[in-house]
């Protein structure tokens, strides 16, 4: 029984050390936010490096958590993104989904 517990613990530790890295949140500054469409635009070094950014500006649909306050221009925003597949039939780019919140 103790051997099985040790093997389970060792497997967990190996998974934590050698497992995939979790993405780190990036930071940006809110350039604009439209509450009716939830379109959020971020600027800054981190935002400019994200796939889907255009001329240093990252715009996408903000997926807000319960209790999140609406961002205002100039707020610092910690975020992760997900880019959806583009629709070649409609000749559209993929949509950028922004997950995050205002940093106090």
Protein backbone atom coordinates (compact mmCIF):
# COMPACT_ATOMS: atom_id res chain seq x y z
CA UNK A 1 0.00 0.00 0.00
CA UNK A 2 2.81 2.39 0.87
CA UNK A 3 4.58 1.52 -2.41
CA UNK A 4 1.48 2.41 -4.42
CA UNK A 5 1.18 5.73 -2.61
CA UNK A 6 4.83 6.49 -3.28
CA UNK A 7 4.41 5.70 -7.01
CA UNK A 8 1.35 7.95 -7.20
CA UNK A 9 3.19 10.81 -5.49
CA UNK A 10 6.26 10.36 -7.71
CA UNK A 11 4.09 10.38 -10.85
CA UNK A 12 2.39 13.59 -9.73
CA UNK A 13 5.71 15.32 -9.05
CA UNK A 14 7.15 14.24 -12.41
CA UNK A 15 4.00 15.54 -14.14
CA UNK A 16 4.27 18.90 -12.42
CA UNK A 17 7.97 19.32 -13.23
CA UNK A 18 8.00 17.86 -16.75
CA UNK A 19 4.42 18.70 -17.77
CA UNK A 20 3.34 21.43 -20.17
CA UNK A 21 3.84 25.03 -19.14
CA UNK A 22 0.74 26.99 -18.28
CA UNK A 23 0.45 30.26 -20.16
CA UNK A 24 1.35 33.39 -18.25
CA UNK A 25 -0.95 36.37 -18.39
CA UNK A 26 0.28 39.32 -20.41
CA UNK A 27 -0.37 42.97 -19.52
CA UNK A 28 -1.68 45.72 -21.72
CA UNK A 29 -3.24 49.15 -21.42
CA UNK A 30 -6.87 49.64 -22.37
CA UNK A 31 -7.05 51.75 -25.54
CA UNK A 32 -10.84 51.44 -25.92
CA UNK A 33 -13.81 49.39 -24.75
CA UNK A 34 -17.31 49.26 -26.26
CA UNK A 35 -19.71 47.73 -23.72
CA UNK A 36 -22.53 47.04 -26.19
CA UNK A 37 -20.33 44.77 -28.34
CA UNK A 38 -17.75 43.87 -25.63
CA UNK A 39 -14.97 44.88 -28.06
CA UNK A 40 -11.81 45.59 -26.09
CA UNK A 41 -8.65 47.08 -27.60
CA UNK A 42 -5.33 46.85 -25.77
CA UNK A 43 -1.97 48.44 -26.49
CA UNK A 44 1.52 47.96 -25.14
CA UNK A 45 4.43 45.61 -25.77
CA UNK A 46 2.66 42.42 -24.67
CA UNK A 47 -0.49 43.21 -26.65
CA UNK A 48 1.51 44.06 -29.80
CA UNK A 49 3.22 40.65 -29.75
CA UNK A 50 -0.01 38.61 -29.63
CA UNK A 51 -1.21 36.89 -32.80
CA UNK A 52 -4.06 38.98 -34.15
CA UNK A 53 -2.59 42.35 -33.15
CA UNK A 54 -2.56 44.99 -35.86
CA UNK A 55 -0.18 47.98 -35.76
CA UNK A 56 0.52 47.48 -32.07
CA UNK A 57 -3.18 47.29 -31.14
CA UNK A 58 -4.90 44.09 -30.07
CA UNK A 59 -8.68 44.16 -30.41
CA UNK A 60 -11.05 41.37 -29.60
CA UNK A 61 -14.14 40.30 -27.71
CA UNK A 62 -13.74 40.47 -23.94
CA UNK A 63 -15.10 37.50 -22.04
CA UNK A 64 -15.67 38.97 -18.62
CA UNK A 65 -15.95 37.07 -15.40
CA UNK A 66 -18.75 37.51 -12.90
CA UNK A 67 -18.18 40.66 -10.87
CA UNK A 68 -15.60 42.15 -13.26
CA UNK A 69 -15.78 45.89 -13.66
CA UNK A 70 -15.80 47.41 -17.12
CA UNK A 71 -12.35 48.57 -18.23
CA UNK A 72 -11.71 52.25 -18.85
CA UNK A 73 -9.18 53.82 -21.19
CA UNK A 74 -5.80 53.84 -19.47
CA UNK A 75 -6.49 50.88 -17.14
CA UNK A 76 -3.85 48.17 -16.91
CA UNK A 77 -5.33 44.87 -18.05
CA UNK A 78 -3.94 41.37 -17.44
CA UNK A 79 -5.05 39.01 -20.21
CA UNK A 80 -4.79 35.77 -22.14
CA UNK A 81 -6.09 35.39 -25.69
CA UNK A 82 -7.52 32.73 -27.92
CA UNK A 83 -7.84 33.21 -31.67
CA UNK A 84 -10.67 31.33 -33.36
CA UNK A 85 -10.32 29.79 -36.79
CA UNK A 86 -10.92 32.10 -39.70
CA UNK A 87 -13.73 31.52 -42.15
CA UNK A 88 -12.22 31.30 -45.66
CA UNK A 89 -15.69 31.19 -47.26
CA UNK A 90 -16.50 34.60 -45.79
CA UNK A 91 -12.91 35.83 -46.33
CA UNK A 92 -12.70 36.78 -42.66
CA UNK A 93 -9.89 36.70 -40.14
CA UNK A 94 -10.31 34.65 -37.01
CA UNK A 95 -11.88 36.34 -34.03
CA UNK A 96 -9.70 37.17 -31.04
CA UNK A 97 -11.20 36.31 -27.67
CA UNK A 98 -9.68 38.15 -24.70
CA UNK A 99 -9.86 36.69 -21.21
CA UNK A 100 -8.72 38.83 -18.32
CA UNK A 101 -9.46 41.66 -15.97
CA UNK A 102 -8.40 45.10 -14.84
CA UNK A 103 -5.35 45.08 -12.57
CA UNK A 104 -5.62 47.42 -9.59
